[in-house]
Each structure stands twice: as C-alpha cells, then as structure tokens.
Amino acid sequence: MLRALLIAPVLALCFGACASPTVPVPPPNPESMVFDIDELPTDGARGLARFSYDGDVDNGGAIVFVFNRTLGEGVITTAEPDGTVLPTAPFPVGGVGDDADQEAMAGDEIIISFEIEDQVSSTCVRIAAGRSSFAARCNTN
C-alpha cells in the first residue's frame, strides 16, 4: 500500500509532463500551392479557378478553406490523409496575376487555411496560374 502511495504522485507527474504537446499546424507553403485557372476574368466578368496542394503529412485530414479575400467568396474541402488537396470545386476570381512579373501582380488575394482540431494556420497569396511561390505572398503592410 505504501509503495502505491509513493508511485501515484510520480505517475501523475509523468502523465502531466510526459504527455506530448500539441504540434501546431504548419502554415500552408506557397510553393506547394497550384492554381488552375478554368476561365480568365474578362470585361468585368469573373473567372473561375481551382486550388490543389502537394502533400504534407502534417496537414493530413485537415479542413481546407480557400477564400478569395478580394471577392469575399471561396470553397471548403478536406485534405487527403497524406496532406494533399485534390483540385477543389471552382471558385470565383476577379483578377489573375502574371507569373512573369510577380512583383507587379494584380491577382486577387487568396487565403488558404488548414484547420486540424482547434488549430488553424493560414497563408495569403496573390493568385496566378500554375504553381505559386513565396514571392506571391500578400503584402502584410
């Protein structure tokens, strides 16, 4: 009985201290993002785009939000177990940047968010056709 009384506090301490901490959801990597432009916007009409994402096992099963901050619309999907995001349903775009000149890009600001349990991590990029890049990140100023 005495041994059990002495071991109980040690076990309680270990369970509190030995439990692994929650690993934060990593922010989506712009270089893993691909935007497929179905229709380019013309004469004030909106175009359509789809989003996909290369695998990142840390984002496996996440709820994925693709939100066009410029237009206030988006889509929601779920990442595959390996973290890939298959092409989403089309979402509207009003402007698509030029890959050749990302500094002067006029594309819509697209916020990509991954949610796992009660954690959310996001990255904002200016949309351009094809693979995104770190240079396409939205200005935070």
Protein backbone atom coordinates (compact mmCIF):
# COMPACT_ATOMS: atom_id res chain seq x y z
CA MET A 1 0.00 0.00 0.00
CA LEU A 2 2.81 2.39 0.88
CA ARG A 3 4.52 1.65 -2.44
CA ALA A 4 1.31 2.51 -4.33
CA LEU A 5 1.02 5.80 -2.43
CA LEU A 6 4.60 6.70 -3.37
CA ILE A 7 4.24 5.71 -7.04
CA ALA A 8 0.92 7.54 -7.62
CA PRO A 9 2.38 11.09 -7.45
CA VAL A 10 5.26 10.08 -9.76
CA LEU A 11 2.83 8.64 -12.32
CA ALA A 12 0.59 11.71 -12.10
CA LEU A 13 3.60 13.98 -12.62
CA CYS A 14 4.79 11.93 -15.60
CA PHE A 15 1.36 11.95 -17.25
CA GLY A 16 1.25 15.73 -16.93
CA ALA A 17 4.84 16.33 -18.03
CA CYS A 18 5.36 13.35 -20.35
CA ALA A 19 2.29 13.89 -22.49
CA SER A 20 3.37 15.14 -25.87
CA PRO A 21 2.49 18.76 -26.56
CA THR A 22 0.10 19.63 -29.35
CA VAL A 23 2.02 20.12 -32.56
CA PRO A 24 0.96 23.36 -34.24
CA VAL A 25 -0.48 23.16 -37.73
CA PRO A 26 2.22 24.38 -40.13
CA PRO A 27 1.27 27.29 -42.37
CA PRO A 28 0.47 26.27 -45.94
CA ASN A 29 3.57 26.51 -48.13
CA PRO A 30 3.04 28.79 -51.15
CA GLU A 31 5.41 26.66 -53.23
CA SER A 32 3.12 23.64 -52.70
CA MET A 33 0.05 25.51 -54.00
CA VAL A 34 -1.21 25.19 -57.57
CA PHE A 35 -3.96 27.30 -59.11
CA ASP A 36 -5.65 26.00 -62.25
CA ILE A 37 -7.46 28.85 -63.97
CA ASP A 38 -10.58 27.44 -65.68
CA GLU A 39 -11.75 30.78 -67.04
CA LEU A 40 -9.91 34.09 -67.05
CA PRO A 41 -11.91 37.14 -65.97
CA THR A 42 -12.89 39.35 -68.92
CA ASP A 43 -14.71 42.67 -69.27
CA GLY A 44 -15.71 42.83 -65.61
CA ALA A 45 -16.94 39.21 -65.57
CA ARG A 46 -15.47 36.85 -63.01
CA GLY A 47 -13.26 33.96 -63.93
CA LEU A 48 -13.01 30.56 -62.24
CA ALA A 49 -10.08 28.85 -60.57
CA ARG A 50 -9.35 25.58 -58.75
CA PHE A 51 -6.82 25.05 -55.97
CA SER A 52 -4.68 21.98 -55.26
CA TYR A 53 -1.85 21.35 -52.81
CA ASP A 54 1.12 18.98 -52.71
CA GLY A 55 1.19 16.51 -49.83
CA ASP A 56 2.32 17.46 -46.35
CA VAL A 57 1.57 14.66 -43.89
CA ASP A 58 1.27 17.23 -41.05
CA ASN A 59 -1.88 18.53 -42.78
CA GLY A 60 -3.45 15.11 -43.34
CA GLY A 61 -7.23 15.17 -42.92
CA ALA A 62 -7.34 18.94 -42.37
CA ILE A 63 -10.34 21.02 -43.32
CA VAL A 64 -9.09 23.33 -46.07
CA PHE A 65 -10.56 26.77 -46.67
CA VAL A 66 -9.78 28.58 -49.94
CA PHE A 67 -11.08 32.12 -49.56
CA ASN A 68 -10.81 34.87 -52.15
CA ARG A 69 -10.40 37.85 -49.82
CA THR A 70 -10.73 40.27 -52.74
CA LEU A 71 -14.20 39.00 -53.72
CA GLY A 72 -15.32 37.61 -50.35
CA GLU A 73 -16.06 34.09 -51.66
CA GLY A 74 -14.43 30.69 -51.52
CA VAL A 75 -14.67 26.93 -51.17
CA ILE A 76 -14.12 24.36 -48.41
CA THR A 77 -12.71 20.85 -48.83
CA THR A 78 -10.77 18.21 -46.89
CA ALA A 79 -7.12 17.24 -47.29
CA GLU A 80 -6.28 13.63 -48.05
CA PRO A 81 -4.59 11.55 -45.29
CA ASP A 82 -1.16 12.36 -46.81
CA GLY A 83 -1.98 16.09 -46.74
CA THR A 84 -2.57 16.55 -50.46
CA VAL A 85 -5.53 18.61 -51.56
CA LEU A 86 -7.12 17.40 -54.76
CA PRO A 87 -8.41 20.09 -57.14
CA THR A 88 -11.23 21.96 -55.41
CA ALA A 89 -14.57 22.96 -56.79
CA PRO A 90 -14.22 26.14 -58.87
CA PHE A 91 -14.18 29.44 -57.00
CA PRO A 92 -14.52 32.93 -58.49
CA VAL A 93 -11.59 35.18 -59.34
CA GLY A 94 -11.74 38.77 -60.49
CA GLY A 95 -8.08 39.21 -61.34
CA VAL A 96 -5.26 36.80 -62.12
CA GLY A 97 -1.64 37.85 -61.77
CA ASP A 98 1.15 37.41 -64.28
CA ASP A 99 3.66 34.71 -63.31
CA ALA A 100 6.41 36.53 -65.21
CA ASP A 101 6.17 39.65 -63.05
CA GLN A 102 5.06 38.62 -59.56
CA GLU A 103 6.20 41.96 -58.11
CA ALA A 104 3.59 43.81 -60.20
CA MET A 105 0.99 41.06 -59.92
CA ALA A 106 -2.58 42.32 -59.71
CA GLY A 107 -4.17 38.98 -58.82
CA ASP A 108 -6.84 38.52 -56.17
CA GLU A 109 -5.66 37.78 -52.63
CA ILE A 110 -6.42 34.15 -51.79
CA ILE A 111 -6.22 32.95 -48.18
CA ILE A 112 -5.50 29.24 -47.79
CA SER A 113 -6.26 27.87 -44.30
CA PHE A 114 -5.73 24.40 -42.86
CA GLU A 115 -7.74 23.51 -39.75
CA ILE A 116 -6.92 20.48 -37.61
CA GLU A 117 -8.99 20.06 -34.45
CA ASP A 118 -8.95 23.50 -32.81
CA GLN A 119 -5.89 24.87 -34.65
CA VAL A 120 -5.90 26.91 -37.84
CA SER A 121 -2.93 28.08 -39.88
CA SER A 122 -3.20 30.31 -42.96
CA THR A 123 -1.19 31.78 -45.79
CA CYS A 124 -2.28 34.53 -48.17
CA VAL A 125 -1.06 34.60 -51.79
CA ARG A 126 -1.94 36.60 -54.87
CA ILE A 127 -3.40 34.21 -57.40
CA ALA A 128 -1.52 33.41 -60.59
CA ALA A 129 -1.99 30.47 -62.92
CA GLY A 130 0.16 27.47 -62.10
CA ARG A 131 2.43 26.85 -59.12
CA SER A 132 2.57 29.63 -56.57
CA SER A 133 5.73 30.91 -54.88
CA PHE A 134 6.88 32.80 -51.81
CA ALA A 135 7.09 35.93 -53.98
CA ALA A 136 3.30 35.72 -54.45
CA ARG A 137 2.54 36.18 -50.75
CA CYS A 138 0.17 39.01 -49.94
CA ASN A 139 1.58 42.25 -48.59
CA THR A 140 1.10 42.40 -44.84
CA ASN A 141 1.53 46.17 -44.64
